Amino acid sequence: MSSVSASARLIDELVSAVYGAPEAAHDARARHGLKHALHALARLSRSEQLLEMKRDAARAAGVDSRREMRAVLRRIAAHAAAGQGQLSLELSGGDGAGQ
């Protein structure tokens, strides 16, 4: 499996489409600038999407203020963390060793 994200691959393809093959050394500075601008745009898009999701969750919970929204989100996170407790380990001597 590749460690490169889908957005990084898409950004590389866009840069190649605009400036040609990466082996072409001309416009290396412009290629670099475009690549970083597109990465910044992807990060901004992700943060805006997360903010919209939080607002939608707050509206669904009937929250009116930011303070109430944060409290509701903290309660949800605490509830989720409590449900992810550590499972107990059961040791069995069923393999016959030492009996």
PDB file of N, CA and C in Angstrom:
ATOM      1  N   MET A   1       0.825  -1.175   0.000  1.00  0.00           N
ATOM      2  CA  MET A   1       0.000   0.000   0.000  1.00  0.00           C
ATOM      3  C   MET A   1       0.872   1.242   0.000  1.00  0.00           C
ATOM      4  N   SER A   2       0.479   2.192  -0.748  1.00  0.00           N
ATOM      5  CA  SER A   2       1.236   3.432  -0.871  1.00  0.00           C
ATOM      6  C   SER A   2       0.933   4.357   0.300  1.00  0.00           C
ATOM      7  N   SER A   3       1.974   5.041   0.791  1.00  0.00           N
ATOM      8  CA  SER A   3       1.778   5.956   1.908  1.00  0.00           C
ATOM      9  C   SER A   3       1.377   7.345   1.438  1.00  0.00           C
ATOM     10  N   VAL A   4       1.274   7.544   0.121  1.00  0.00           N
ATOM     11  CA  VAL A   4       0.892   8.834  -0.445  1.00  0.00           C
ATOM     12  C   VAL A   4      -0.628   8.911  -0.481  1.00  0.00           C
ATOM     13  N   SER A   5      -1.171  10.000   0.039  1.00  0.00           N
ATOM     14  CA  SER A   5      -2.620  10.147   0.084  1.00  0.00           C
ATOM     15  C   SER A   5      -3.181  10.422  -1.307  1.00  0.00           C
ATOM     16  N   ALA A   6      -4.481  10.248  -1.429  1.00  0.00           N
ATOM     17  CA  ALA A   6      -5.145  10.489  -2.707  1.00  0.00           C
ATOM     18  C   ALA A   6      -5.038  11.955  -3.104  1.00  0.00           C
ATOM     19  N   SER A   7      -5.156  12.847  -2.124  1.00  0.00           N
ATOM     20  CA  SER A   7      -5.057  14.274  -2.452  1.00  0.00           C
ATOM     21  C   SER A   7      -3.640  14.632  -2.911  1.00  0.00           C
ATOM     22  N   ALA A   8      -2.619  14.022  -2.316  1.00  0.00           N
ATOM     23  CA  ALA A   8      -1.241  14.295  -2.735  1.00  0.00           C
ATOM     24  C   ALA A   8      -0.996  13.803  -4.157  1.00  0.00           C
ATOM     25  N   ARG A   9      -1.548  12.634  -4.495  1.00  0.00           N
ATOM     26  CA  ARG A   9      -1.411  12.125  -5.863  1.00  0.00           C
ATOM     27  C   ARG A   9      -2.113  13.056  -6.847  1.00  0.00           C
ATOM     28  N   LEU A  10      -3.311  13.509  -6.479  1.00  0.00           N
ATOM     29  CA  LEU A  10      -4.062  14.409  -7.354  1.00  0.00           C
ATOM     30  C   LEU A  10      -3.329  15.735  -7.551  1.00  0.00           C
ATOM     31  N   ILE A  11      -2.747  16.250  -6.484  1.00  0.00           N
ATOM     32  CA  ILE A  11      -1.976  17.493  -6.573  1.00  0.00           C
ATOM     33  C   ILE A  11      -0.779  17.306  -7.498  1.00  0.00           C
ATOM     34  N   ASP A  12      -0.072  16.189  -7.373  1.00  0.00           N
ATOM     35  CA  ASP A  12       1.064  15.918  -8.263  1.00  0.00           C
ATOM     36  C   ASP A  12       0.619  15.842  -9.726  1.00  0.00           C
ATOM     37  N   GLU A  13      -0.543  15.219  -9.963  1.00  0.00           N
ATOM     38  CA  GLU A  13      -1.064  15.133 -11.327  1.00  0.00           C
ATOM     39  C   GLU A  13      -1.423  16.516 -11.870  1.00  0.00           C
ATOM     40  N   LEU A  14      -2.019  17.365 -11.025  1.00  0.00           N
ATOM     41  CA  LEU A  14      -2.367  18.721 -11.454  1.00  0.00           C
ATOM     42  C   LEU A  14      -1.125  19.536 -11.792  1.00  0.00           C
ATOM     43  N   VAL A  15      -0.104  19.425 -10.953  1.00  0.00           N
ATOM     44  CA  VAL A  15       1.144  20.154 -11.205  1.00  0.00           C
ATOM     45  C   VAL A  15       1.780  19.666 -12.498  1.00  0.00           C
ATOM     46  N   SER A  16       1.762  18.355 -12.723  1.00  0.00           N
ATOM     47  CA  SER A  16       2.323  17.808 -13.962  1.00  0.00           C
ATOM     48  C   SER A  16       1.524  18.268 -15.171  1.00  0.00           C
ATOM     49  N   ALA A  17       0.191  18.358 -15.008  1.00  0.00           N
ATOM     50  CA  ALA A  17      -0.646  18.800 -16.127  1.00  0.00           C
ATOM     51  C   ALA A  17      -0.375  20.263 -16.475  1.00  0.00           C
ATOM     52  N   VAL A  18      -0.096  21.077 -15.463  1.00  0.00           N
ATOM     53  CA  VAL A  18       0.144  22.498 -15.702  1.00  0.00           C
ATOM     54  C   VAL A  18       1.557  22.744 -16.228  1.00  0.00           C
ATOM     55  N   TYR A  19       2.563  22.104 -15.618  1.00  0.00           N
ATOM     56  CA  TYR A  19       3.963  22.408 -15.938  1.00  0.00           C
ATOM     57  C   TYR A  19       4.684  21.303 -16.699  1.00  0.00           C
ATOM     58  N   GLY A  20       4.032  20.211 -17.018  1.00  0.00           N
ATOM     59  CA  GLY A  20       4.687  19.132 -17.749  1.00  0.00           C
ATOM     60  C   GLY A  20       5.331  18.128 -16.808  1.00  0.00           C
ATOM     61  N   ALA A  21       6.150  17.280 -17.362  1.00  0.00           N
ATOM     62  CA  ALA A  21       6.798  16.204 -16.605  1.00  0.00           C
ATOM     63  C   ALA A  21       7.703  16.773 -15.514  1.00  0.00           C
ATOM     64  N   PRO A  22       7.783  16.081 -14.369  1.00  0.00           N
ATOM     65  CA  PRO A  22       8.631  16.565 -13.272  1.00  0.00           C
ATOM     66  C   PRO A  22      10.113  16.618 -13.622  1.00  0.00           C
ATOM     67  N   GLU A  23      10.538  15.851 -14.632  1.00  0.00           N
ATOM     68  CA  GLU A  23      11.950  15.847 -15.009  1.00  0.00           C
ATOM     69  C   GLU A  23      12.375  17.160 -15.657  1.00  0.00           C
ATOM     70  N   ALA A  24      11.412  17.884 -16.216  1.00  0.00           N
ATOM     71  CA  ALA A  24      11.721  19.174 -16.843  1.00  0.00           C
ATOM     72  C   ALA A  24      12.083  20.177 -15.749  1.00  0.00           C
ATOM     73  N   ALA A  25      13.324  20.633 -15.779  1.00  0.00           N
ATOM     74  CA  ALA A  25      13.827  21.485 -14.692  1.00  0.00           C
ATOM     75  C   ALA A  25      13.329  22.924 -14.785  1.00  0.00           C
ATOM     76  N   HIS A  26      12.756  23.308 -15.932  1.00  0.00           N
ATOM     77  CA  HIS A  26      12.292  24.688 -16.048  1.00  0.00           C
ATOM     78  C   HIS A  26      11.084  24.923 -15.151  1.00  0.00           C
ATOM     79  N   ASP A  27      10.982  26.095 -14.636  1.00  0.00           N
ATOM     80  CA  ASP A  27       9.889  26.504 -13.752  1.00  0.00           C
ATOM     81  C   ASP A  27       9.809  25.664 -12.472  1.00  0.00           C
ATOM     82  N   ALA A  28      10.947  25.264 -11.936  1.00  0.00           N
ATOM     83  CA  ALA A  28      10.948  24.467 -10.705  1.00  0.00           C
ATOM     84  C   ALA A  28      10.363  25.266  -9.544  1.00  0.00           C
ATOM     85  N   ARG A  29      10.659  26.552  -9.490  1.00  0.00           N
ATOM     86  CA  ARG A  29      10.134  27.397  -8.415  1.00  0.00           C
ATOM     87  C   ARG A  29       8.614  27.525  -8.526  1.00  0.00           C
ATOM     88  N   ALA A  30       8.111  27.738  -9.730  1.00  0.00           N
ATOM     89  CA  ALA A  30       6.665  27.856  -9.937  1.00  0.00           C
ATOM     90  C   ALA A  30       5.969  26.535  -9.632  1.00  0.00           C
ATOM     91  N   ARG A  31       6.589  25.415 -10.028  1.00  0.00           N
ATOM     92  CA  ARG A  31       6.035  24.084  -9.736  1.00  0.00           C
ATOM     93  C   ARG A  31       5.925  23.880  -8.225  1.00  0.00           C
ATOM     94  N   HIS A  32       6.982  24.236  -7.511  1.00  0.00           N
ATOM     95  CA  HIS A  32       7.005  24.096  -6.060  1.00  0.00           C
ATOM     96  C   HIS A  32       5.928  24.980  -5.407  1.00  0.00           C
ATOM     97  N   GLY A  33       5.817  26.218  -5.880  1.00  0.00           N
ATOM     98  CA  GLY A  33       4.814  27.133  -5.331  1.00  0.00           C
ATOM     99  C   GLY A  33       3.395  26.644  -5.555  1.00  0.00           C
ATOM    100  N   LEU A  34       3.118  26.151  -6.754  1.00  0.00           N
ATOM    101  CA  LEU A  34       1.785  25.635  -7.049  1.00  0.00           C
ATOM    102  C   LEU A  34       1.461  24.421  -6.199  1.00  0.00           C
ATOM    103  N   LYS A  35       2.442  23.544  -6.048  1.00  0.00           N
ATOM    104  CA  LYS A  35       2.225  22.334  -5.261  1.00  0.00           C
ATOM    105  C   LYS A  35       1.877  22.679  -3.811  1.00  0.00           C
ATOM    106  N   HIS A  36       2.602  23.604  -3.229  1.00  0.00           N
ATOM    107  CA  HIS A  36       2.326  23.982  -1.835  1.00  0.00           C
ATOM    108  C   HIS A  36       1.024  24.762  -1.700  1.00  0.00           C
ATOM    109  N   ALA A  37       0.691  25.569  -2.694  1.00  0.00           N
ATOM    110  CA  ALA A  37      -0.588  26.283  -2.663  1.00  0.00           C
ATOM    111  C   ALA A  37      -1.757  25.300  -2.724  1.00  0.00           C
ATOM    112  N   LEU A  38      -1.638  24.270  -3.533  1.00  0.00           N
ATOM    113  CA  LEU A  38      -2.701  23.266  -3.618  1.00  0.00           C
ATOM    114  C   LEU A  38      -2.814  22.452  -2.334  1.00  0.00           C
ATOM    115  N   HIS A  39      -1.685  22.135  -1.702  1.00  0.00           N
ATOM    116  CA  HIS A  39      -1.725  21.435  -0.415  1.00  0.00           C
ATOM    117  C   HIS A  39      -2.412  22.299   0.643  1.00  0.00           C
ATOM    118  N   ALA A  40      -2.112  23.590   0.657  1.00  0.00           N
ATOM    119  CA  ALA A  40      -2.747  24.504   1.610  1.00  0.00           C
ATOM    120  C   ALA A  40      -4.247  24.584   1.358  1.00  0.00           C
ATOM    121  N   LEU A  41      -4.647  24.593   0.106  1.00  0.00           N
ATOM    122  CA  LEU A  41      -6.055  24.629  -0.244  1.00  0.00           C
ATOM    123  C   LEU A  41      -6.767  23.357   0.224  1.00  0.00           C
ATOM    124  N   ALA A  42      -6.114  22.219   0.089  1.00  0.00           N
ATOM    125  CA  ALA A  42      -6.704  20.952   0.559  1.00  0.00           C
ATOM    126  C   ALA A  42      -6.861  20.962   2.074  1.00  0.00           C
ATOM    127  N   ARG A  43      -5.855  21.484   2.803  1.00  0.00           N
ATOM    128  CA  ARG A  43      -5.961  21.570   4.272  1.00  0.00           C
ATOM    129  C   ARG A  43      -7.092  22.494   4.683  1.00  0.00           C
ATOM    130  N   LEU A  44      -7.219  23.625   4.012  1.00  0.00           N
ATOM    131  CA  LEU A  44      -8.290  24.566   4.306  1.00  0.00           C
ATOM    132  C   LEU A  44      -9.652  23.935   4.058  1.00  0.00           C
ATOM    133  N   SER A  45      -9.766  23.204   2.987  1.00  0.00           N
ATOM    134  CA  SER A  45     -11.021  22.532   2.669  1.00  0.00           C
ATOM    135  C   SER A  45     -11.392  21.514   3.741  1.00  0.00           C
ATOM    136  N   ARG A  46     -10.406  20.751   4.210  1.00  0.00           N
ATOM    137  CA  ARG A  46     -10.674  19.771   5.274  1.00  0.00           C
ATOM    138  C   ARG A  46     -11.121  20.450   6.558  1.00  0.00           C
ATOM    139  N   SER A  47     -10.470  21.557   6.914  1.00  0.00           N
ATOM    140  CA  SER A  47     -10.849  22.238   8.160  1.00  0.00           C
ATOM    141  C   SER A  47     -12.233  22.858   8.044  1.00  0.00           C
ATOM    142  N   GLU A  48     -12.580  23.397   6.863  1.00  0.00           N
ATOM    143  CA  GLU A  48     -13.927  23.933   6.669  1.00  0.00           C
ATOM    144  C   GLU A  48     -14.969  22.830   6.747  1.00  0.00           C
ATOM    145  N   GLN A  49     -14.660  21.669   6.199  1.00  0.00           N
ATOM    146  CA  GLN A  49     -15.588  20.549   6.252  1.00  0.00           C
ATOM    147  C   GLN A  49     -15.799  20.103   7.702  1.00  0.00           C
ATOM    148  N   LEU A  50     -14.733  20.043   8.485  1.00  0.00           N
ATOM    149  CA  LEU A  50     -14.844  19.662   9.887  1.00  0.00           C
ATOM    150  C   LEU A  50     -15.684  20.675  10.658  1.00  0.00           C
ATOM    151  N   LEU A  51     -15.485  21.948  10.395  1.00  0.00           N
ATOM    152  CA  LEU A  51     -16.267  22.993  11.051  1.00  0.00           C
ATOM    153  C   LEU A  51     -17.748  22.872  10.708  1.00  0.00           C
ATOM    154  N   GLU A  52     -18.054  22.603   9.441  1.00  0.00           N
ATOM    155  CA  GLU A  52     -19.448  22.408   9.043  1.00  0.00           C
ATOM    156  C   GLU A  52     -20.064  21.207   9.739  1.00  0.00           C
ATOM    157  N   MET A  53     -19.297  20.132   9.871  1.00  0.00           N
ATOM    158  CA  MET A  53     -19.803  18.943  10.557  1.00  0.00           C
ATOM    159  C   MET A  53     -20.102  19.247  12.016  1.00  0.00           C
ATOM    160  N   LYS A  54     -19.233  20.014  12.668  1.00  0.00           N
ATOM    161  CA  LYS A  54     -19.462  20.381  14.058  1.00  0.00           C
ATOM    162  C   LYS A  54     -20.705  21.246  14.194  1.00  0.00           C
ATOM    163  N   ARG A  55     -20.892  22.198  13.278  1.00  0.00           N
ATOM    164  CA  ARG A  55     -22.083  23.054  13.317  1.00  0.00           C
ATOM    165  C   ARG A  55     -23.345  22.234  13.110  1.00  0.00           C
ATOM    166  N   ASP A  56     -23.310  21.302  12.159  1.00  0.00           N
ATOM    167  CA  ASP A  56     -24.471  20.457  11.902  1.00  0.00           C
ATOM    168  C   ASP A  56     -24.804  19.589  13.115  1.00  0.00           C
ATOM    169  N   ALA A  57     -23.773  19.072  13.765  1.00  0.00           N
ATOM    170  CA  ALA A  57     -23.996  18.263  14.967  1.00  0.00           C
ATOM    171  C   ALA A  57     -24.599  19.109  16.083  1.00  0.00           C
ATOM    172  N   ALA A  58     -24.127  20.336  16.213  1.00  0.00           N
ATOM    173  CA  ALA A  58     -24.663  21.228  17.242  1.00  0.00           C
ATOM    174  C   ALA A  58     -26.120  21.568  16.955  1.00  0.00           C
ATOM    175  N   ARG A  59     -26.440  21.833  15.691  1.00  0.00           N
ATOM    176  CA  ARG A  59     -27.837  22.129  15.334  1.00  0.00           C
ATOM    177  C   ARG A  59     -28.725  20.933  15.616  1.00  0.00           C
ATOM    178  N   ALA A  60     -28.243  19.735  15.292  1.00  0.00           N
ATOM    179  CA  ALA A  60     -29.025  18.526  15.522  1.00  0.00           C
ATOM    180  C   ALA A  60     -29.254  18.289  17.011  1.00  0.00           C
ATOM    181  N   ALA A  61     -28.301  18.705  17.834  1.00  0.00           N
ATOM    182  CA  ALA A  61     -28.435  18.537  19.286  1.00  0.00           C
ATOM    183  C   ALA A  61     -29.220  19.678  19.917  1.00  0.00           C
ATOM    184  N   GLY A  62     -29.574  20.699  19.134  1.00  0.00           N
ATOM    185  CA  GLY A  62     -30.353  21.813  19.649  1.00  0.00           C
ATOM    186  C   GLY A  62     -29.540  22.808  20.452  1.00  0.00           C
ATOM    187  N   VAL A  63     -28.282  22.962  20.109  1.00  0.00           N
ATOM    188  CA  VAL A  63     -27.387  23.858  20.833  1.00  0.00           C
ATOM    189  C   VAL A  63     -27.451  25.245  20.192  1.00  0.00           C
ATOM    190  N   ASP A  64     -27.515  26.290  21.037  1.00  0.00           N
ATOM    191  CA  ASP A  64     -27.621  27.654  20.520  1.00  0.00           C
ATOM    192  C   ASP A  64     -26.302  28.411  20.514  1.00  0.00           C
ATOM    193  N   SER A  65     -25.434  28.170  21.477  1.00  0.00           N
ATOM    194  CA  SER A  65     -24.202  28.956  21.579  1.00  0.00           C
ATOM    195  C   SER A  65     -22.975  28.076  21.366  1.00  0.00           C
ATOM    196  N   ARG A  66     -21.836  28.730  21.130  1.00  0.00           N
ATOM    197  CA  ARG A  66     -20.579  27.994  20.945  1.00  0.00           C
ATOM    198  C   ARG A  66     -20.180  27.271  22.226  1.00  0.00           C
ATOM    199  N   ARG A  67     -20.446  27.920  23.373  1.00  0.00           N
ATOM    200  CA  ARG A  67     -20.095  27.307  24.656  1.00  0.00           C
ATOM    201  C   ARG A  67     -20.876  26.007  24.851  1.00  0.00           C
ATOM    202  N   GLU A  68     -22.170  26.045  24.545  1.00  0.00           N
ATOM    203  CA  GLU A  68     -22.982  24.828  24.664  1.00  0.00           C
ATOM    204  C   GLU A  68     -22.504  23.763  23.682  1.00  0.00           C
ATOM    205  N   MET A  69     -22.139  24.194  22.470  1.00  0.00           N
ATOM    206  CA  MET A  69     -21.668  23.254  21.465  1.00  0.00           C
ATOM    207  C   MET A  69     -20.404  22.544  21.938  1.00  0.00           C
ATOM    208  N   ARG A  70     -19.467  23.309  22.492  1.00  0.00           N
ATOM    209  CA  ARG A  70     -18.239  22.686  22.996  1.00  0.00           C
ATOM    210  C   ARG A  70     -18.537  21.703  24.112  1.00  0.00           C
ATOM    211  N   ALA A  71     -19.476  22.069  25.006  1.00  0.00           N
ATOM    212  CA  ALA A  71     -19.825  21.175  26.102  1.00  0.00           C
ATOM    213  C   ALA A  71     -20.442  19.880  25.573  1.00  0.00           C
ATOM    214  N   VAL A  72     -21.313  19.990  24.578  1.00  0.00           N
ATOM    215  CA  VAL A  72     -21.931  18.799  23.996  1.00  0.00           C
ATOM    216  C   VAL A  72     -20.876  17.930  23.322  1.00  0.00           C
ATOM    217  N   LEU A  73     -19.982  18.543  22.572  1.00  0.00           N
ATOM    218  CA  LEU A  73     -18.937  17.769  21.897  1.00  0.00           C
ATOM    219  C   LEU A  73     -17.997  17.103  22.889  1.00  0.00           C
ATOM    220  N   ARG A  74     -17.696  17.797  24.009  1.00  0.00           N
ATOM    221  CA  ARG A  74     -16.866  17.171  25.051  1.00  0.00           C
ATOM    222  C   ARG A  74     -17.575  15.979  25.665  1.00  0.00           C
ATOM    223  N   ARG A  75     -18.895  16.119  25.911  1.00  0.00           N
ATOM    224  CA  ARG A  75     -19.663  15.002  26.470  1.00  0.00           C
ATOM    225  C   ARG A  75     -19.667  13.816  25.516  1.00  0.00           C
ATOM    226  N   ILE A  76     -19.828  14.079  24.227  1.00  0.00           N
ATOM    227  CA  ILE A  76     -19.827  12.999  23.237  1.00  0.00           C
ATOM    228  C   ILE A  76     -18.462  12.316  23.199  1.00  0.00           C
ATOM    229  N   ALA A  77     -17.398  13.109  23.228  1.00  0.00           N
ATOM    230  CA  ALA A  77     -16.043  12.539  23.207  1.00  0.00           C
ATOM    231  C   ALA A  77     -15.761  11.726  24.463  1.00  0.00           C
ATOM    232  N   ALA A  78     -16.205  12.224  25.613  1.00  0.00           N
ATOM    233  CA  ALA A  78     -15.989  11.491  26.867  1.00  0.00           C
ATOM    234  C   ALA A  78     -16.762  10.182  26.858  1.00  0.00           C
ATOM    235  N   HIS A  79     -17.988  10.228  26.335  1.00  0.00           N
ATOM    236  CA  HIS A  79     -18.800   9.016  26.255  1.00  0.00           C
ATOM    237  C   HIS A  79     -18.148   7.994  25.320  1.00  0.00           C
ATOM    238  N   ALA A  80     -17.628   8.467  24.200  1.00  0.00           N
ATOM    239  CA  ALA A  80     -16.971   7.569  23.249  1.00  0.00           C
ATOM    240  C   ALA A  80     -15.702   6.979  23.855  1.00  0.00           C
ATOM    241  N   ALA A  81     -14.937   7.804  24.584  1.00  0.00           N
ATOM    242  CA  ALA A  81     -13.703   7.318  25.207  1.00  0.00           C
ATOM    243  C   ALA A  81     -14.006   6.302  26.302  1.00  0.00           C
ATOM    244  N   ALA A  82     -15.093   6.506  27.043  1.00  0.00           N
ATOM    245  CA  ALA A  82     -15.458   5.576  28.111  1.00  0.00           C
ATOM    246  C   ALA A  82     -15.863   4.225  27.531  1.00  0.00           C
ATOM    247  N   GLY A  83     -16.451   4.238  26.350  1.00  0.00           N
ATOM    248  CA  GLY A  83     -16.866   2.996  25.707  1.00  0.00           C
ATOM    249  C   GLY A  83     -15.710   2.226  25.106  1.00  0.00           C
ATOM    250  N   GLN A  84     -14.536   2.834  25.038  1.00  0.00           N
ATOM    251  CA  GLN A  84     -13.373   2.177  24.463  1.00  0.00           C
ATOM    252  C   GLN A  84     -12.408   1.711  25.548  1.00  0.00           C
ATOM    253  N   GLY A  85     -12.950   1.246  26.631  1.00  0.00           N
ATOM    254  CA  GLY A  85     -12.119   0.780  27.740  1.00  0.00           C
ATOM    255  C   GLY A  85     -11.303  -0.439  27.344  1.00  0.00           C
ATOM    256  N   GLN A  86     -10.350  -0.774  28.176  1.00  0.00           N
ATOM    257  CA  GLN A  86      -9.478  -1.900  27.893  1.00  0.00           C
ATOM    258  C   GLN A  86     -10.204  -3.198  28.221  1.00  0.00           C
ATOM    259  N   LEU A  87     -10.108  -4.152  27.322  1.00  0.00           N
ATOM    260  CA  LEU A  87     -10.726  -5.451  27.542  1.00  0.00           C
ATOM    261  C   LEU A  87      -9.834  -6.289  28.450  1.00  0.00           C
ATOM    262  N   SER A  88     -10.480  -7.125  29.249  1.00  0.00           N
ATOM    263  CA  SER A  88      -9.700  -7.982  30.135  1.00  0.00           C
ATOM    264  C   SER A  88      -9.104  -9.134  29.331  1.00  0.00           C
ATOM    265  N   LEU A  89      -7.924  -9.554  29.719  1.00  0.00           N
ATOM    266  CA  LEU A  89      -7.219 -10.622  29.029  1.00  0.00           C
ATOM    267  C   LEU A  89      -7.468 -11.920  29.774  1.00  0.00           C
ATOM    268  N   GLU A  90      -7.995 -12.894  29.071  1.00  0.00           N
ATOM    269  CA  GLU A  90      -8.237 -14.191  29.688  1.00  0.00           C
ATOM    270  C   GLU A  90      -7.148 -15.148  29.245  1.00  0.00           C
ATOM    271  N   LEU A  91      -6.393 -15.631  30.190  1.00  0.00           N
ATOM    272  CA  LEU A  91      -5.333 -16.591  29.874  1.00  0.00           C
ATOM    273  C   LEU A  91      -5.890 -17.995  30.058  1.00  0.00           C
ATOM    274  N   SER A  92      -5.668 -18.813  29.074  1.00  0.00           N
ATOM    275  CA  SER A  92      -6.138 -20.188  29.178  1.00  0.00           C
ATOM    276  C   SER A  92      -4.947 -21.125  29.028  1.00  0.00           C
ATOM    277  N   GLY A  93      -4.981 -22.187  29.733  1.00  0.00           N
ATOM    278  CA  GLY A  93      -3.917 -23.191  29.652  1.00  0.00           C
ATOM    279  C   GLY A  93      -4.302 -24.306  28.727  1.00  0.00           C
ATOM    280  N   GLY A  94      -5.061 -24.023  27.687  1.00  0.00           N
ATOM    281  CA  GLY A  94      -5.580 -25.039  26.790  1.00  0.00           C
ATOM    282  C   GLY A  94      -4.562 -25.643  25.840  1.00  0.00           C
ATOM    283  N   ASP A  95      -3.324 -25.150  25.846  1.00  0.00           N
ATOM    284  CA  ASP A  95      -2.358 -25.683  24.896  1.00  0.00           C
ATOM    285  C   ASP A  95      -1.664 -26.937  25.406  1.00  0.00           C
ATOM    286  N   GLY A  96      -1.894 -27.302  26.667  1.00  0.00           N
ATOM    287  CA  GLY A  96      -1.353 -28.549  27.209  1.00  0.00           C
ATOM    288  C   GLY A  96       0.047 -28.420  27.751  1.00  0.00           C
ATOM    289  N   ALA A  97       0.702 -27.287  27.596  1.00  0.00           N
ATOM    290  CA  ALA A  97       2.064 -27.099  28.083  1.00  0.00           C
ATOM    291  C   ALA A  97       2.051 -26.904  29.593  1.00  0.00           C
ATOM    292  N   GLY A  98       2.903 -27.579  30.274  1.00  0.00           N
ATOM    293  CA  GLY A  98       3.059 -27.413  31.712  1.00  0.00           C
ATOM    294  C   GLY A  98       1.988 -28.086  32.539  1.00  0.00           C
ATOM    295  N   GLN A  99       1.164 -28.942  31.948  1.00  0.00           N
ATOM    296  CA  GLN A  99       0.130 -29.629  32.726  1.00  0.00           C
ATOM    297  C   GLN A  99       0.477 -31.058  32.929  1.00  0.00           C
TER     298      GLN A  99
END
